[in-house]
Amino acid sequence: MEKSEVYSQELAKLQAIFTDVDPAKAQLVEGLMEDAAFLKAENSVLKEALKATGMVKIHPSNPDLQKPVEAARQYLKNVNAYAVVVKTLNGVLSKNALDPEDDMDEFE
């Protein structure tokens, strides 16, 4: 799948998840959703490259000599950044779930 397709699908998925969220909160995290989609798309390209190269280069005559592939380093950085963004987005969703009218409004 093309990088632009992965980006579009991920962004559409996140936007669908946030359809029931307060519009102000959804607008607030719009950039995070775009960042998550970007990271997902970038990692899809890196993952395809890593399927061919592997994450570590091993010296042909001395297997003890190993060197990480730069794409693998970037992939791991992107995975960590994506995880942080998704965790933040999930936090907004969780807080939104607590916001619906509760029975405590009757006592105020």
N, C-alpha and C. Protein backbone atom coordinates (compact mmCIF):
# COMPACT_ATOMS: atom_id res chain seq x y z
N MET A 1 0.85 -1.17 0.00
CA MET A 1 0.00 0.00 0.00
C MET A 1 0.91 1.25 0.00
N GLU A 2 0.48 2.24 -0.74
CA GLU A 2 1.24 3.49 -0.82
C GLU A 2 1.19 4.25 0.50
N LYS A 3 2.24 5.02 0.74
CA LYS A 3 2.33 5.79 1.98
C LYS A 3 1.14 6.74 2.13
N SER A 4 0.74 7.37 1.05
CA SER A 4 -0.38 8.32 1.12
C SER A 4 -1.68 7.59 1.47
N GLU A 5 -1.84 6.36 1.00
CA GLU A 5 -3.03 5.59 1.33
C GLU A 5 -3.05 5.22 2.81
N VAL A 6 -1.89 4.82 3.33
CA VAL A 6 -1.79 4.48 4.75
C VAL A 6 -2.12 5.70 5.59
N TYR A 7 -1.58 6.85 5.20
CA TYR A 7 -1.84 8.10 5.91
C TYR A 7 -3.34 8.40 5.92
N SER A 8 -3.96 8.34 4.74
CA SER A 8 -5.39 8.66 4.63
C SER A 8 -6.25 7.71 5.44
N GLN A 9 -5.93 6.42 5.38
CA GLN A 9 -6.71 5.43 6.14
C GLN A 9 -6.58 5.64 7.64
N GLU A 10 -5.36 5.90 8.10
CA GLU A 10 -5.14 6.09 9.53
C GLU A 10 -5.83 7.36 10.01
N LEU A 11 -5.72 8.43 9.24
CA LEU A 11 -6.37 9.69 9.61
C LEU A 11 -7.89 9.52 9.64
N ALA A 12 -8.43 8.84 8.65
CA ALA A 12 -9.88 8.61 8.61
C ALA A 12 -10.32 7.75 9.80
N LYS A 13 -9.52 6.76 10.15
CA LYS A 13 -9.85 5.91 11.30
C LYS A 13 -9.88 6.72 12.58
N LEU A 14 -8.86 7.56 12.78
CA LEU A 14 -8.80 8.37 13.99
C LEU A 14 -9.93 9.40 14.03
N GLN A 15 -10.22 10.00 12.90
CA GLN A 15 -11.32 10.98 12.85
C GLN A 15 -12.65 10.30 13.16
N ALA A 16 -12.83 9.08 12.70
CA ALA A 16 -14.06 8.34 12.99
C ALA A 16 -14.16 8.04 14.49
N ILE A 17 -13.05 7.71 15.10
CA ILE A 17 -13.03 7.43 16.54
C ILE A 17 -13.42 8.67 17.33
N PHE A 18 -13.03 9.84 16.83
CA PHE A 18 -13.26 11.09 17.55
C PHE A 18 -14.55 11.80 17.13
N THR A 19 -15.43 11.14 16.39
CA THR A 19 -16.66 11.81 15.96
C THR A 19 -17.58 12.15 17.13
N ASP A 20 -17.58 11.35 18.17
CA ASP A 20 -18.47 11.59 19.31
C ASP A 20 -17.82 12.43 20.41
N VAL A 21 -16.61 12.88 20.18
CA VAL A 21 -15.89 13.69 21.17
C VAL A 21 -16.33 15.14 21.02
N ASP A 22 -16.32 15.84 22.14
CA ASP A 22 -16.63 17.27 22.15
C ASP A 22 -15.85 17.95 21.02
N PRO A 23 -16.51 18.72 20.17
CA PRO A 23 -15.83 19.34 19.02
C PRO A 23 -14.59 20.15 19.40
N ALA A 24 -14.62 20.81 20.53
CA ALA A 24 -13.45 21.59 20.96
C ALA A 24 -12.27 20.67 21.23
N LYS A 25 -12.54 19.54 21.88
CA LYS A 25 -11.47 18.58 22.16
C LYS A 25 -10.96 17.94 20.87
N ALA A 26 -11.89 17.64 19.97
CA ALA A 26 -11.49 17.04 18.68
C ALA A 26 -10.61 18.01 17.90
N GLN A 27 -10.97 19.28 17.94
CA GLN A 27 -10.15 20.29 17.25
C GLN A 27 -8.78 20.41 17.91
N LEU A 28 -8.76 20.30 19.22
CA LEU A 28 -7.51 20.40 19.96
C LEU A 28 -6.53 19.30 19.57
N VAL A 29 -7.04 18.09 19.34
CA VAL A 29 -6.15 16.95 19.04
C VAL A 29 -6.02 16.68 17.54
N GLU A 30 -6.54 17.57 16.73
CA GLU A 30 -6.47 17.38 15.28
C GLU A 30 -5.03 17.20 14.80
N GLY A 31 -4.13 18.01 15.30
CA GLY A 31 -2.73 17.90 14.91
C GLY A 31 -2.12 16.58 15.36
N LEU A 32 -2.51 16.12 16.55
CA LEU A 32 -2.01 14.83 17.02
C LEU A 32 -2.50 13.69 16.14
N MET A 33 -3.74 13.78 15.68
CA MET A 33 -4.25 12.75 14.78
C MET A 33 -3.46 12.75 13.47
N GLU A 34 -3.15 13.93 12.97
CA GLU A 34 -2.35 14.03 11.74
C GLU A 34 -0.94 13.47 11.97
N ASP A 35 -0.36 13.78 13.14
CA ASP A 35 0.97 13.25 13.46
C ASP A 35 0.94 11.73 13.56
N ALA A 36 -0.09 11.18 14.19
CA ALA A 36 -0.21 9.73 14.31
C ALA A 36 -0.31 9.10 12.92
N ALA A 37 -1.11 9.69 12.06
CA ALA A 37 -1.26 9.16 10.70
C ALA A 37 0.06 9.24 9.94
N PHE A 38 0.78 10.35 10.11
CA PHE A 38 2.09 10.51 9.46
C PHE A 38 3.07 9.44 9.93
N LEU A 39 3.15 9.25 11.25
CA LEU A 39 4.08 8.25 11.79
C LEU A 39 3.72 6.85 11.32
N LYS A 40 2.45 6.55 11.27
CA LYS A 40 2.00 5.23 10.80
C LYS A 40 2.41 5.03 9.34
N ALA A 41 2.22 6.06 8.52
CA ALA A 41 2.57 5.97 7.11
C ALA A 41 4.08 5.82 6.92
N GLU A 42 4.85 6.62 7.66
CA GLU A 42 6.31 6.52 7.56
C GLU A 42 6.79 5.13 7.98
N ASN A 43 6.21 4.61 9.04
CA ASN A 43 6.63 3.30 9.52
C ASN A 43 6.24 2.18 8.56
N SER A 44 5.17 2.37 7.82
CA SER A 44 4.80 1.34 6.84
C SER A 44 5.87 1.22 5.76
N VAL A 45 6.44 2.36 5.36
CA VAL A 45 7.52 2.36 4.37
C VAL A 45 8.78 1.74 4.97
N LEU A 46 9.11 2.16 6.18
CA LEU A 46 10.30 1.62 6.84
C LEU A 46 10.17 0.12 7.07
N LYS A 47 9.00 -0.31 7.44
CA LYS A 47 8.78 -1.74 7.70
C LYS A 47 9.00 -2.57 6.44
N GLU A 48 8.53 -2.07 5.30
CA GLU A 48 8.74 -2.77 4.04
C GLU A 48 10.23 -2.86 3.71
N ALA A 49 10.95 -1.77 3.94
CA ALA A 49 12.39 -1.78 3.68
C ALA A 49 13.09 -2.75 4.62
N LEU A 50 12.66 -2.78 5.87
CA LEU A 50 13.30 -3.67 6.85
C LEU A 50 13.00 -5.14 6.58
N LYS A 51 11.90 -5.42 5.92
CA LYS A 51 11.62 -6.81 5.54
C LYS A 51 12.70 -7.33 4.60
N ALA A 52 13.21 -6.45 3.76
CA ALA A 52 14.25 -6.84 2.81
C ALA A 52 15.63 -6.85 3.43
N THR A 53 15.92 -5.88 4.30
CA THR A 53 17.28 -5.73 4.82
C THR A 53 17.48 -6.35 6.19
N GLY A 54 16.41 -6.47 6.96
CA GLY A 54 16.55 -6.87 8.35
C GLY A 54 16.89 -5.65 9.19
N MET A 55 16.87 -5.81 10.49
CA MET A 55 17.13 -4.68 11.38
C MET A 55 18.60 -4.55 11.74
N VAL A 56 19.37 -5.62 11.48
CA VAL A 56 20.80 -5.62 11.83
C VAL A 56 21.59 -6.18 10.65
N LYS A 57 22.67 -5.48 10.31
CA LYS A 57 23.60 -6.01 9.31
C LYS A 57 24.64 -6.85 10.02
N ILE A 58 24.85 -8.03 9.50
CA ILE A 58 25.85 -8.93 10.08
C ILE A 58 26.99 -9.08 9.08
N HIS A 59 28.20 -8.88 9.56
CA HIS A 59 29.38 -8.99 8.70
C HIS A 59 29.44 -10.40 8.13
N PRO A 60 29.65 -10.51 6.81
CA PRO A 60 29.61 -11.84 6.18
C PRO A 60 30.69 -12.81 6.66
N SER A 61 31.88 -12.29 6.96
CA SER A 61 32.95 -13.21 7.36
C SER A 61 33.15 -13.28 8.87
N ASN A 62 32.57 -12.32 9.60
CA ASN A 62 32.69 -12.33 11.05
C ASN A 62 31.32 -12.03 11.66
N PRO A 63 30.54 -13.07 11.90
CA PRO A 63 29.18 -12.86 12.40
C PRO A 63 29.09 -12.13 13.73
N ASP A 64 30.20 -12.08 14.46
CA ASP A 64 30.18 -11.34 15.72
C ASP A 64 30.11 -9.83 15.51
N LEU A 65 30.50 -9.39 14.33
CA LEU A 65 30.41 -7.96 14.00
C LEU A 65 29.01 -7.67 13.45
N GLN A 66 28.28 -6.89 14.21
CA GLN A 66 26.92 -6.55 13.81
C GLN A 66 26.73 -5.04 13.89
N LYS A 67 25.88 -4.56 13.03
CA LYS A 67 25.65 -3.12 12.99
C LYS A 67 24.16 -2.87 12.73
N PRO A 68 23.51 -2.08 13.60
CA PRO A 68 22.08 -1.79 13.36
C PRO A 68 21.90 -0.98 12.08
N VAL A 69 20.83 -1.26 11.39
CA VAL A 69 20.48 -0.52 10.18
C VAL A 69 19.83 0.79 10.61
N GLU A 70 20.18 1.88 9.95
CA GLU A 70 19.63 3.19 10.32
C GLU A 70 18.11 3.21 10.23
N ALA A 71 17.56 2.53 9.24
CA ALA A 71 16.10 2.47 9.11
C ALA A 71 15.47 1.83 10.34
N ALA A 72 16.17 0.86 10.93
CA ALA A 72 15.65 0.19 12.13
C ALA A 72 15.63 1.17 13.31
N ARG A 73 16.66 1.97 13.42
CA ARG A 73 16.69 2.97 14.49
C ARG A 73 15.53 3.95 14.35
N GLN A 74 15.33 4.43 13.13
CA GLN A 74 14.26 5.39 12.88
C GLN A 74 12.90 4.74 13.11
N TYR A 75 12.76 3.50 12.70
CA TYR A 75 11.51 2.78 12.90
C TYR A 75 11.17 2.73 14.39
N LEU A 76 12.15 2.38 15.20
CA LEU A 76 11.91 2.30 16.65
C LEU A 76 11.58 3.66 17.25
N LYS A 77 12.25 4.70 16.79
CA LYS A 77 11.92 6.06 17.27
C LYS A 77 10.48 6.41 16.90
N ASN A 78 10.10 6.08 15.67
CA ASN A 78 8.74 6.39 15.22
C ASN A 78 7.70 5.59 16.00
N VAL A 79 8.02 4.33 16.28
CA VAL A 79 7.08 3.50 17.05
C VAL A 79 6.86 4.11 18.43
N ASN A 80 7.93 4.54 19.06
CA ASN A 80 7.81 5.16 20.39
C ASN A 80 7.02 6.46 20.32
N ALA A 81 7.28 7.28 19.32
CA ALA A 81 6.55 8.54 19.18
C ALA A 81 5.07 8.26 18.89
N TYR A 82 4.80 7.28 18.04
CA TYR A 82 3.42 6.91 17.73
C TYR A 82 2.69 6.44 18.99
N ALA A 83 3.38 5.64 19.80
CA ALA A 83 2.77 5.14 21.04
C ALA A 83 2.41 6.29 21.97
N VAL A 84 3.28 7.28 22.07
CA VAL A 84 3.01 8.44 22.93
C VAL A 84 1.80 9.22 22.41
N VAL A 85 1.74 9.42 21.10
CA VAL A 85 0.63 10.16 20.50
C VAL A 85 -0.68 9.41 20.71
N VAL A 86 -0.66 8.10 20.48
CA VAL A 86 -1.88 7.30 20.66
C VAL A 86 -2.31 7.30 22.13
N LYS A 87 -1.35 7.23 23.03
CA LYS A 87 -1.68 7.26 24.46
C LYS A 87 -2.33 8.60 24.82
N THR A 88 -1.83 9.68 24.26
CA THR A 88 -2.40 11.00 24.51
C THR A 88 -3.81 11.08 23.94
N LEU A 89 -3.99 10.59 22.72
CA LEU A 89 -5.32 10.59 22.12
C LEU A 89 -6.29 9.74 22.94
N ASN A 90 -5.82 8.62 23.41
CA ASN A 90 -6.66 7.75 24.24
C ASN A 90 -7.04 8.45 25.55
N GLY A 91 -6.13 9.23 26.09
CA GLY A 91 -6.43 9.99 27.30
C GLY A 91 -7.57 10.98 27.06
N VAL A 92 -7.57 11.61 25.91
CA VAL A 92 -8.66 12.54 25.57
C VAL A 92 -9.97 11.77 25.44
N LEU A 93 -9.93 10.60 24.81
CA LEU A 93 -11.14 9.78 24.68
C LEU A 93 -11.65 9.33 26.04
N SER A 94 -10.73 8.96 26.92
CA SER A 94 -11.12 8.49 28.25
C SER A 94 -11.79 9.60 29.05
N LYS A 95 -11.23 10.79 28.97
CA LYS A 95 -11.83 11.92 29.69
C LYS A 95 -13.17 12.27 29.10
N ASN A 96 -13.30 12.12 27.79
CA ASN A 96 -14.58 12.40 27.15
C ASN A 96 -15.64 11.40 27.61
N ALA A 97 -15.24 10.17 27.87
CA ALA A 97 -16.18 9.15 28.33
C ALA A 97 -16.71 9.48 29.72
N LEU A 98 -15.93 10.22 30.51
CA LEU A 98 -16.38 10.60 31.85
C LEU A 98 -17.27 11.83 31.82
N ASP A 99 -17.25 12.56 30.73
CA ASP A 99 -17.99 13.81 30.64
C ASP A 99 -19.49 13.68 30.46
N PRO A 100 -20.01 12.60 29.89
CA PRO A 100 -21.46 12.56 29.68
C PRO A 100 -22.21 12.82 30.98
N GLU A 101 -23.42 13.28 30.80
CA GLU A 101 -24.22 13.63 31.98
C GLU A 101 -24.27 12.44 32.93
N ASP A 102 -23.98 12.71 34.16
CA ASP A 102 -24.05 11.66 35.17
C ASP A 102 -25.15 12.01 36.18
N ASP A 103 -25.42 11.10 37.05
CA ASP A 103 -26.51 11.30 38.01
C ASP A 103 -26.17 12.38 39.04
N MET A 104 -24.93 12.78 39.15
CA MET A 104 -24.56 13.79 40.13
C MET A 104 -25.14 15.16 39.79
N ASP A 105 -25.49 15.38 38.52
CA ASP A 105 -26.09 16.65 38.14
C ASP A 105 -27.40 16.90 38.88
N GLU A 106 -28.09 15.84 39.24
CA GLU A 106 -29.36 15.99 39.94
C GLU A 106 -29.19 16.61 41.33
N PHE A 107 -28.02 16.44 41.93
CA PHE A 107 -27.79 16.91 43.30
C PHE A 107 -27.21 18.32 43.36
N GLU A 108 -26.89 18.88 42.22
CA GLU A 108 -26.27 20.21 42.23
C GLU A 108 -27.30 21.30 42.26
